[in-house]
């Protein structure tokens, strides 16, 4: 029955796309994020839903969708260059079999991110894309949030829709994605037209934000906690009543602490004590190994190059009861440990050229969203325009992702590249539909004339 329900839902998506081909783009976003083919039990496992919706999205745009207004931006070109670079590095990878397995999904993520902006030609399409992304992720987040609120969870133990430790179903990745998507939830609750922002929409948005904040607790993910704190600081920049916002946030944190599970508080306490935590110590050791590796392999070792690492380090071990602890130095030997950082993931797999290309792609997005914010802040609508709000939400989402990426290997995460696709589409749309306001210029007045009014 579960398989039939999931298949019926996907079939409905595909059927609606016959009249509106853009819906096939939304169908692929849903399938890629939620992975319904992994939720079912039998029949749905056999059907390649991801490939079907992927081909439908491209085919619908090529043969049925109007092309007017579409522009190819610099960032899309950078994604294309990164795609080619990764393809070449895969042919020369240190571990060809494992690299081919990772390439099997990376190329789709990059190609779709390069293609998606070409389909985003209207405000309705931007909103529909953001809505499907939020609701698709919400399918996982609401499930995990309810279980966390009922007392479930723990590091690596929160049971989600799919029992696998990969993609959006991995604890730290889900925590980062959930927190990064909060700005989009708030934007839809304020500027939405598909579901107009009445009390029901705002209540649902508030509940979804709360569920997103519960995910780092349920997963005991330190990365999610740092992302949440960082996002709160970013939101202060755009808040009208900063003092009130900060005060309410601090009060909510104080009130929440007594209700947090002790296992979560204990794990969060290791954030500043990496030398006493084996997981954090291993990450530092892997990062040091990666820096040594690229000295001899400046162009990287291809996907999964970390499998060749091996290192030994010493870390303190505390034993005994409180007040009578004993600290001894233990020798830890490890090998084939993942990077646990998108920056070192790019460096180890694609070398310095790949890392520079990836950073260029990311930082250019932050700058472009800031340019859009600047442009619309000087219009009649100002910060109340949907373009300013979406640019702000996408910038906050990306900066939060870049912080989480420092501690999680999500350099090629498809969901994050969809956010990049939204940014590229918005940049192209704004360049096409608006004119940049003239820069303020100061001219020296004639002798005796009053100075121009400031303001």
Protein backbone atom coordinates (compact mmCIF):
# COMPACT_ATOMS: atom_id res chain seq x y z
CA UNK A 1 0.00 0.00 0.00
CA UNK A 2 2.88 2.37 0.74
CA UNK A 3 4.44 1.64 -2.65
CA UNK A 4 1.14 2.28 -4.41
CA UNK A 5 0.61 5.58 -2.57
CA UNK A 6 4.11 6.81 -3.44
CA UNK A 7 3.79 5.73 -7.07
CA UNK A 8 0.40 7.43 -7.35
CA UNK A 9 1.86 10.66 -6.01
CA UNK A 10 4.78 10.62 -8.47
CA UNK A 11 2.42 9.65 -11.31
CA UNK A 12 0.25 12.66 -10.45
CA UNK A 13 3.31 14.90 -10.71
CA UNK A 14 4.23 13.47 -14.11
CA UNK A 15 0.63 13.72 -15.39
CA UNK A 16 0.37 17.40 -14.45
CA UNK A 17 3.57 18.03 -16.36
CA UNK A 18 1.92 17.07 -19.64
CA UNK A 19 0.13 20.43 -19.60
CA UNK A 20 2.78 22.37 -17.65
CA UNK A 21 6.24 20.91 -18.44
CA UNK A 22 7.88 22.94 -15.67
CA UNK A 23 6.15 20.67 -13.15
CA UNK A 24 8.55 17.91 -14.27
CA UNK A 25 11.40 20.06 -12.93
CA UNK A 26 9.59 20.17 -9.59
CA UNK A 27 9.01 16.41 -9.74
CA UNK A 28 12.74 15.79 -10.04
CA UNK A 29 13.45 18.07 -7.07
CA UNK A 30 10.97 16.08 -4.95
CA UNK A 31 12.32 12.67 -6.01
CA UNK A 32 15.95 13.70 -5.57
CA UNK A 33 15.38 15.14 -2.09
CA UNK A 34 12.91 12.66 -0.56
CA UNK A 35 14.03 9.53 -2.48
CA UNK A 36 10.59 7.82 -2.42
CA UNK A 37 12.10 4.82 -4.21
CA UNK A 38 14.01 4.09 -0.98
CA UNK A 39 11.00 4.57 1.30
CA UNK A 40 8.88 1.84 -0.30
CA UNK A 41 9.27 -1.90 0.06
CA UNK A 42 8.95 -3.69 -3.26
CA UNK A 43 7.67 -2.42 -6.60
CA UNK A 44 8.93 1.14 -6.27
CA UNK A 45 12.50 -0.12 -5.80
CA UNK A 46 12.54 -1.46 -9.35
CA UNK A 47 11.54 1.79 -11.08
CA UNK A 48 14.34 4.34 -11.74
CA UNK A 49 12.25 7.30 -10.57
CA UNK A 50 15.22 9.66 -10.40
CA UNK A 51 16.22 8.93 -14.00
CA UNK A 52 12.62 9.13 -15.24
CA UNK A 53 12.00 12.56 -13.70
CA UNK A 54 15.49 13.76 -14.71
CA UNK A 55 14.84 12.93 -18.38
CA UNK A 56 11.31 14.37 -18.17
CA UNK A 57 12.60 17.67 -16.75
CA UNK A 58 15.15 18.11 -19.55
CA UNK A 59 12.88 16.78 -22.28
CA UNK A 60 9.98 18.98 -21.24
CA UNK A 61 12.13 22.10 -21.33
CA UNK A 62 13.75 21.23 -24.67
CA UNK A 63 10.61 20.24 -26.58
CA UNK A 64 7.66 21.89 -24.82
CA UNK A 65 8.69 24.85 -22.69
CA UNK A 66 9.15 28.38 -24.14
CA UNK A 67 12.79 29.52 -24.10
CA UNK A 68 12.24 33.28 -24.05
CA UNK A 69 13.93 35.12 -21.23
CA UNK A 70 16.44 32.39 -20.41
CA UNK A 71 20.04 33.50 -19.91
CA UNK A 72 23.24 31.57 -19.31
CA UNK A 73 25.17 33.18 -16.46
CA UNK A 74 28.81 33.12 -15.43
CA UNK A 75 28.08 30.88 -12.46
CA UNK A 76 26.36 28.34 -14.70
CA UNK A 77 29.52 28.34 -16.82
CA UNK A 78 31.59 27.74 -13.68
CA UNK A 79 29.37 24.77 -12.81
CA UNK A 80 29.94 23.45 -16.35
CA UNK A 81 33.71 23.80 -15.98
CA UNK A 82 33.58 22.04 -12.61
CA UNK A 83 31.50 19.26 -14.21
CA UNK A 84 34.11 18.72 -16.94
CA UNK A 85 36.97 18.91 -14.45
CA UNK A 86 35.36 16.25 -12.24
CA UNK A 87 34.75 14.04 -15.28
CA UNK A 88 38.44 14.19 -16.21
CA UNK A 89 39.62 13.57 -12.64
CA UNK A 90 37.31 10.54 -12.41
CA UNK A 91 39.11 8.89 -15.35
CA UNK A 92 42.43 9.25 -13.45
CA UNK A 93 41.15 8.60 -9.92
CA UNK A 94 43.20 6.72 -7.34
CA UNK A 95 40.20 4.44 -6.74
CA UNK A 96 38.41 4.06 -10.12
CA UNK A 97 35.52 1.85 -8.93
CA UNK A 98 34.61 4.01 -5.92
CA UNK A 99 35.10 7.20 -7.94
CA UNK A 100 32.73 5.95 -10.64
CA UNK A 101 30.07 5.25 -8.00
CA UNK A 102 30.27 8.82 -6.68
CA UNK A 103 30.41 10.29 -10.19
CA UNK A 104 27.13 8.50 -10.92
CA UNK A 105 25.20 11.03 -8.80
CA UNK A 106 27.55 14.04 -8.82
CA UNK A 107 27.18 14.68 -12.54
CA UNK A 108 23.39 14.80 -12.22
CA UNK A 109 23.61 17.29 -9.34
CA UNK A 110 25.93 19.60 -11.28
CA UNK A 111 24.11 19.29 -14.59
CA UNK A 112 20.70 19.95 -13.01
CA UNK A 113 22.04 23.01 -11.16
CA UNK A 114 23.38 24.34 -14.47
CA UNK A 115 20.07 23.63 -16.23
CA UNK A 116 17.54 24.73 -13.59
CA UNK A 117 18.06 28.53 -13.92
CA UNK A 118 17.06 28.35 -17.60
CA UNK A 119 13.56 27.31 -16.55
CA UNK A 120 13.09 30.04 -13.91
CA UNK A 121 11.52 32.83 -15.95
CA UNK A 122 8.71 34.13 -13.69
CA UNK A 123 8.05 34.89 -10.04
CA UNK A 124 5.60 31.99 -9.90
CA UNK A 125 8.30 29.55 -10.97
CA UNK A 126 10.74 30.86 -8.36
CA UNK A 127 8.10 30.45 -5.71
CA UNK A 128 7.04 26.98 -6.90
CA UNK A 129 10.67 25.80 -6.87
CA UNK A 130 11.33 27.18 -3.39
CA UNK A 131 8.03 25.71 -2.16
CA UNK A 132 8.77 22.20 -3.45
CA UNK A 133 12.29 22.32 -2.00
CA UNK A 134 10.92 23.39 1.40
CA UNK A 135 8.11 20.83 1.43
CA UNK A 136 10.35 18.01 0.14
CA UNK A 137 12.87 18.65 2.89
CA UNK A 138 9.98 19.19 5.30
CA UNK A 139 8.82 15.64 4.58
CA UNK A 140 12.00 14.43 6.30
CA UNK A 141 12.29 17.23 8.85
CA UNK A 142 8.72 16.96 10.18
CA UNK A 143 9.15 13.22 10.60
CA UNK A 144 12.40 13.68 12.52
CA UNK A 145 11.08 16.65 14.50
CA UNK A 146 8.05 14.75 15.80
CA UNK A 147 10.20 11.81 16.89
CA UNK A 148 12.65 14.16 18.61
CA UNK A 149 9.83 15.96 20.44
CA UNK A 150 8.52 12.59 21.66
CA UNK A 151 11.88 11.71 23.15
CA UNK A 152 13.64 9.87 20.34
CA UNK A 153 16.99 10.50 18.77
CA UNK A 154 20.65 10.45 19.66
CA UNK A 155 23.80 10.52 17.57
CA UNK A 156 23.18 8.25 14.58
CA UNK A 157 20.00 6.73 16.07
CA UNK A 158 17.15 9.02 14.96
CA UNK A 159 14.94 6.85 12.71
CA UNK A 160 13.88 8.81 9.63
CA UNK A 161 11.94 7.74 6.55
CA UNK A 162 14.96 5.87 5.21
CA UNK A 163 17.36 3.90 7.39
CA UNK A 164 20.58 4.82 5.64
CA UNK A 165 23.41 7.14 6.56
CA UNK A 166 23.75 8.98 3.25
CA UNK A 167 22.49 12.06 1.45
CA UNK A 168 19.87 14.12 3.26
CA UNK A 169 19.25 11.20 5.60
CA UNK A 170 22.70 11.56 7.22
CA UNK A 171 22.45 13.41 10.53
CA UNK A 172 24.92 16.26 10.04
CA UNK A 173 23.91 16.80 6.40
CA UNK A 174 20.20 16.92 7.30
CA UNK A 175 20.90 19.29 10.20
CA UNK A 176 22.84 21.66 7.93
CA UNK A 177 20.20 21.53 5.18
CA UNK A 178 17.31 21.97 7.63
CA UNK A 179 18.84 25.06 9.25
CA UNK A 180 19.91 26.50 5.87
CA UNK A 181 16.36 26.22 4.53
CA UNK A 182 14.74 28.21 7.38
CA UNK A 183 15.21 31.54 5.52
CA UNK A 184 13.30 30.13 2.53
CA UNK A 185 10.48 28.99 4.84
CA UNK A 186 10.19 32.51 6.25
CA UNK A 187 10.30 34.06 2.76
CA UNK A 188 7.42 31.87 1.58
CA UNK A 189 5.44 32.71 4.71
CA UNK A 190 5.81 36.41 3.90
CA UNK A 191 5.75 36.62 0.09
CA UNK A 192 3.96 33.44 -1.00
CA UNK A 193 1.17 33.60 -3.55
CA UNK A 194 0.53 29.88 -4.12
CA UNK A 195 -0.38 29.56 -0.45
CA UNK A 196 -1.21 33.10 0.58
CA UNK A 197 0.28 34.15 3.92
CA UNK A 198 -2.74 33.79 6.19
CA UNK A 199 -2.70 32.45 9.75
CA UNK A 200 -2.64 28.83 8.57
CA UNK A 201 0.44 29.33 6.41
CA UNK A 202 2.24 31.27 9.12
CA UNK A 203 1.38 28.62 11.73
CA UNK A 204 2.69 25.87 9.47
CA UNK A 205 5.85 27.89 8.75
CA UNK A 206 6.47 28.43 12.47
CA UNK A 207 6.00 24.71 13.16
CA UNK A 208 8.34 23.78 10.30
CA UNK A 209 11.01 26.16 11.61
CA UNK A 210 10.63 24.60 15.06
CA UNK A 211 10.95 21.10 13.58
CA UNK A 212 14.09 22.21 11.69
CA UNK A 213 15.62 23.44 14.95
CA UNK A 214 14.79 20.09 16.57
CA UNK A 215 16.75 18.12 13.96
CA UNK A 216 20.23 18.99 15.35
CA UNK A 217 18.92 17.95 18.78
CA UNK A 218 17.47 14.67 17.56
CA UNK A 219 20.60 13.91 15.56
CA UNK A 220 22.95 15.26 18.29
CA UNK A 221 24.74 17.08 15.47
CA UNK A 222 27.24 19.69 16.62
CA UNK A 223 27.35 21.12 13.10
CA UNK A 224 23.62 21.84 13.22
CA UNK A 225 23.97 23.74 16.51
CA UNK A 226 26.69 25.98 15.07
CA UNK A 227 24.63 26.57 11.91
CA UNK A 228 21.59 27.58 13.98
CA UNK A 229 23.62 30.06 16.05
CA UNK A 230 25.25 31.48 12.92
CA UNK A 231 21.91 31.86 11.11
CA UNK A 232 20.50 33.73 14.11
CA UNK A 233 23.36 36.23 13.82
CA UNK A 234 22.81 36.59 10.07
CA UNK A 235 19.13 37.34 10.60
CA UNK A 236 20.02 40.16 12.99
CA UNK A 237 21.41 42.03 9.99
CA UNK A 238 17.99 42.18 8.30
CA UNK A 239 15.82 42.41 11.41
CA UNK A 240 14.02 45.71 11.99
CA UNK A 241 13.98 45.36 15.78
CA UNK A 242 17.38 43.82 16.43
CA UNK A 243 17.38 44.26 20.20
CA UNK A 244 13.94 42.67 20.60
CA UNK A 245 14.88 39.83 18.22
CA UNK A 246 18.12 39.11 20.08
CA UNK A 247 16.40 39.26 23.48
CA UNK A 248 13.66 36.84 22.46
CA UNK A 249 16.24 34.46 20.98
CA UNK A 250 18.32 34.49 24.17
CA UNK A 251 15.20 33.95 26.30
CA UNK A 252 14.07 31.01 24.15
CA UNK A 253 17.53 29.45 24.46
CA UNK A 254 17.54 29.77 28.25
CA UNK A 255 14.05 28.28 28.51
CA UNK A 256 14.94 25.39 26.18
CA UNK A 257 18.12 24.24 27.95
CA UNK A 258 16.36 22.39 30.84
CA UNK A 259 14.35 20.35 28.32
CA UNK A 260 17.32 19.26 26.21
CA UNK A 261 18.45 15.62 26.62
CA UNK A 262 21.67 15.10 28.56
CA UNK A 263 23.18 13.11 25.69
CA UNK A 264 22.78 16.15 23.45
CA UNK A 265 24.29 18.55 26.00
CA UNK A 266 27.23 16.19 26.58
CA UNK A 267 27.97 15.96 22.86
CA UNK A 268 27.66 19.73 22.38
CA UNK A 269 30.19 20.16 25.17
CA UNK A 270 32.87 18.60 22.98
CA UNK A 271 32.71 21.43 20.42
CA UNK A 272 35.51 23.36 22.14
CA UNK A 273 37.36 20.23 23.35
CA UNK A 274 38.30 18.50 20.12
CA UNK A 275 41.50 17.09 21.63
CA UNK A 276 39.41 14.90 23.95
CA UNK A 277 36.94 13.77 21.29
CA UNK A 278 38.07 11.02 18.92
CA UNK A 279 35.70 12.09 16.14
CA UNK A 280 36.99 15.67 16.13
CA UNK A 281 40.62 14.58 16.55
CA UNK A 282 40.28 12.26 13.57
CA UNK A 283 38.96 15.10 11.44
CA UNK A 284 41.96 17.28 12.24
CA UNK A 285 44.28 14.38 11.41
CA UNK A 286 42.52 13.81 8.07
CA UNK A 287 42.79 17.51 7.21
CA UNK A 288 46.53 17.48 7.94
CA UNK A 289 46.91 14.37 5.78
CA UNK A 290 45.04 16.07 2.93
CA UNK A 291 47.39 19.06 3.01
CA UNK A 292 50.36 16.70 2.76
CA UNK A 293 48.64 14.70 0.00
CA UNK A 294 48.12 17.69 -2.32
CA UNK A 295 51.79 18.61 -2.07
CA UNK A 296 52.48 15.59 -4.29
CA UNK A 297 49.06 15.57 -6.02
CA UNK A 298 48.19 19.25 -6.70
CA UNK A 299 45.36 18.22 -9.03
CA UNK A 300 43.80 15.86 -6.47
CA UNK A 301 43.24 12.13 -6.53
CA UNK A 302 39.67 11.96 -7.83
CA UNK A 303 36.54 11.03 -5.92
CA UNK A 304 37.08 9.11 -2.66
CA UNK A 305 40.84 9.74 -2.66
CA UNK A 306 40.64 9.73 1.14
CA UNK A 307 40.64 5.91 1.03
CA UNK A 308 44.42 5.95 0.83
CA UNK A 309 44.91 7.87 4.08
CA UNK A 310 46.44 6.29 7.16
CA UNK A 311 47.66 8.06 10.28
CA UNK A 312 48.45 7.62 13.96
CA UNK A 313 47.91 10.28 16.61
CA UNK A 314 47.74 10.58 20.39
CA UNK A 315 44.80 11.93 22.35
CA UNK A 316 43.98 12.20 26.08
CA UNK A 317 41.61 9.68 27.67
CA UNK A 318 39.87 10.56 30.94
CA UNK A 319 38.96 7.70 33.30
CA UNK A 320 37.68 7.50 36.85
CA UNK A 321 34.90 9.19 38.80
CA UNK A 322 34.39 12.98 39.10
CA UNK A 323 37.00 14.40 41.45
CA UNK A 324 39.23 11.37 40.97
CA UNK A 325 39.86 11.45 37.23
CA UNK A 326 42.99 10.09 35.60
CA UNK A 327 44.24 11.33 32.25
CA UNK A 328 46.27 9.01 30.06
CA UNK A 329 47.51 9.45 26.50
CA UNK A 330 46.12 6.86 24.10
CA UNK A 331 47.53 6.06 20.67
CA UNK A 332 44.90 5.93 17.93
CA UNK A 333 45.58 4.46 14.49
CA UNK A 334 43.08 5.07 11.73
CA UNK A 335 42.84 4.79 7.97
CA UNK A 336 40.45 5.42 5.08
CA UNK A 337 38.62 8.12 7.02
CA UNK A 338 36.41 10.59 5.10
CA UNK A 339 37.32 14.28 4.95
CA UNK A 340 34.42 15.56 7.12
CA UNK A 341 34.84 18.94 5.42
CA UNK A 342 33.68 20.14 2.01
CA UNK A 343 36.75 22.34 1.65
CA UNK A 344 39.17 19.47 2.22
CA UNK A 345 36.91 17.18 0.19
CA UNK A 346 37.34 19.45 -2.83
CA UNK A 347 41.05 19.89 -2.16
CA UNK A 348 41.78 16.17 -1.81
CA UNK A 349 39.60 15.06 -4.72
CA UNK A 350 39.98 17.90 -7.25
CA UNK A 351 43.17 19.56 -6.05
CA UNK A 352 43.85 23.28 -5.88
CA UNK A 353 42.15 24.10 -9.24
CA UNK A 354 38.96 22.34 -8.13
CA UNK A 355 38.92 24.05 -4.73
CA UNK A 356 39.51 27.49 -6.26
CA UNK A 357 36.74 26.89 -8.83
CA UNK A 358 34.32 25.73 -6.11
CA UNK A 359 35.11 28.70 -3.84
CA UNK A 360 34.73 31.08 -6.78
CA UNK A 361 31.30 29.61 -7.47
CA UNK A 362 30.23 30.00 -3.83
CA UNK A 363 31.62 33.46 -3.10
CA UNK A 364 30.29 34.85 -6.37
CA UNK A 365 26.82 33.79 -5.23
CA UNK A 366 27.18 35.66 -1.94
CA UNK A 367 28.27 38.78 -3.85
CA UNK A 368 25.47 38.55 -6.43
CA UNK A 369 22.79 38.22 -3.75
CA UNK A 370 24.27 41.25 -1.99
CA UNK A 371 24.07 43.22 -5.25
CA UNK A 372 20.39 42.32 -5.59
CA UNK A 373 19.77 43.37 -1.99
CA UNK A 374 21.49 46.70 -2.67
CA UNK A 375 19.53 47.25 -5.89
CA UNK A 376 16.06 46.63 -4.46
CA UNK A 377 16.70 48.41 -1.18
CA UNK A 378 16.80 51.61 -3.24
CA UNK A 379 13.47 50.99 -4.99
CA UNK A 380 10.01 52.14 -3.91
CA UNK A 381 9.23 48.75 -2.32
CA UNK A 382 12.61 48.57 -0.64
CA UNK A 383 13.09 45.64 1.71
CA UNK A 384 9.44 44.71 1.23
CA UNK A 385 10.00 43.51 -2.36
CA UNK A 386 9.94 39.78 -3.01
CA UNK A 387 13.24 40.02 -4.89
CA UNK A 388 15.05 41.57 -1.91
CA UNK A 389 13.50 38.97 0.38
CA UNK A 390 14.48 36.03 -1.83
CA UNK A 391 18.03 37.31 -2.33
CA UNK A 392 18.38 37.74 1.44
CA UNK A 393 17.01 34.24 2.12
CA UNK A 394 19.30 32.63 -0.47
CA UNK A 395 22.33 34.51 0.83
CA UNK A 396 21.60 33.48 4.42
CA UNK A 397 21.03 29.88 3.31
CA UNK A 398 24.32 29.78 1.41
CA UNK A 399 26.40 31.36 4.18
CA UNK A 400 24.92 28.91 6.70
CA UNK A 401 25.72 26.06 4.32
CA UNK A 402 29.32 27.30 3.93
CA UNK A 403 29.75 27.19 7.71
CA UNK A 404 28.29 23.69 7.96
CA UNK A 405 30.39 22.62 4.97
CA UNK A 406 33.53 23.23 7.03
CA UNK A 407 32.64 20.16 9.13
CA UNK A 408 30.62 17.98 6.73
CA UNK A 409 31.56 16.57 3.33
CA UNK A 410 28.75 18.11 1.26
CA UNK A 411 30.69 19.82 -1.51
CA UNK A 412 28.49 18.22 -4.20
CA UNK A 413 25.25 17.82 -2.20
CA UNK A 414 22.41 18.05 -4.79
CA UNK A 415 20.06 19.96 -2.48
CA UNK A 416 22.65 22.69 -1.94
CA UNK A 417 23.32 22.94 -5.68
CA UNK A 418 19.58 23.47 -6.16
CA UNK A 419 19.90 26.54 -3.92
CA UNK A 420 22.74 27.68 -6.18
CA UNK A 421 20.47 27.11 -9.18
CA UNK A 422 17.85 29.37 -7.58
CA UNK A 423 20.51 32.04 -7.07
CA UNK A 424 21.62 31.85 -10.70
CA UNK A 425 18.01 32.09 -11.87
CA UNK A 426 17.27 35.09 -9.64
CA UNK A 427 20.41 36.91 -10.80
CA UNK A 428 19.45 36.35 -14.44
CA UNK A 429 15.82 37.39 -13.82
CA UNK A 430 16.80 40.61 -12.07
CA UNK A 431 19.29 41.54 -14.79
CA UNK A 432 16.60 40.98 -17.41
CA UNK A 433 13.63 42.68 -15.75
CA UNK A 434 15.06 45.63 -13.81
CA UNK A 435 17.43 48.49 -14.36
CA UNK A 436 20.15 49.21 -11.82
CA UNK A 437 19.51 52.50 -9.98
CA UNK A 438 22.09 55.21 -10.70
CA UNK A 439 24.87 55.62 -8.20
CA UNK A 440 24.74 58.73 -6.06
CA UNK A 441 27.17 61.35 -7.31
CA UNK A 442 28.50 64.41 -5.51
CA UNK A 443 29.15 67.55 -7.52
CA UNK A 444 30.88 70.61 -6.15
CA UNK A 445 28.40 73.52 -5.88
CA UNK A 446 29.12 76.90 -7.36
CA UNK A 447 30.55 79.53 -5.09
CA UNK A 448 27.90 80.74 -2.64
CA UNK A 449 25.45 77.96 -3.48
CA UNK A 450 24.18 75.78 -0.61
CA UNK A 451 25.52 72.25 -0.22
CA UNK A 452 23.20 69.46 -1.42
CA UNK A 453 20.97 67.96 1.24
CA UNK A 454 22.30 64.76 2.76
CA UNK A 455 20.06 61.84 3.36
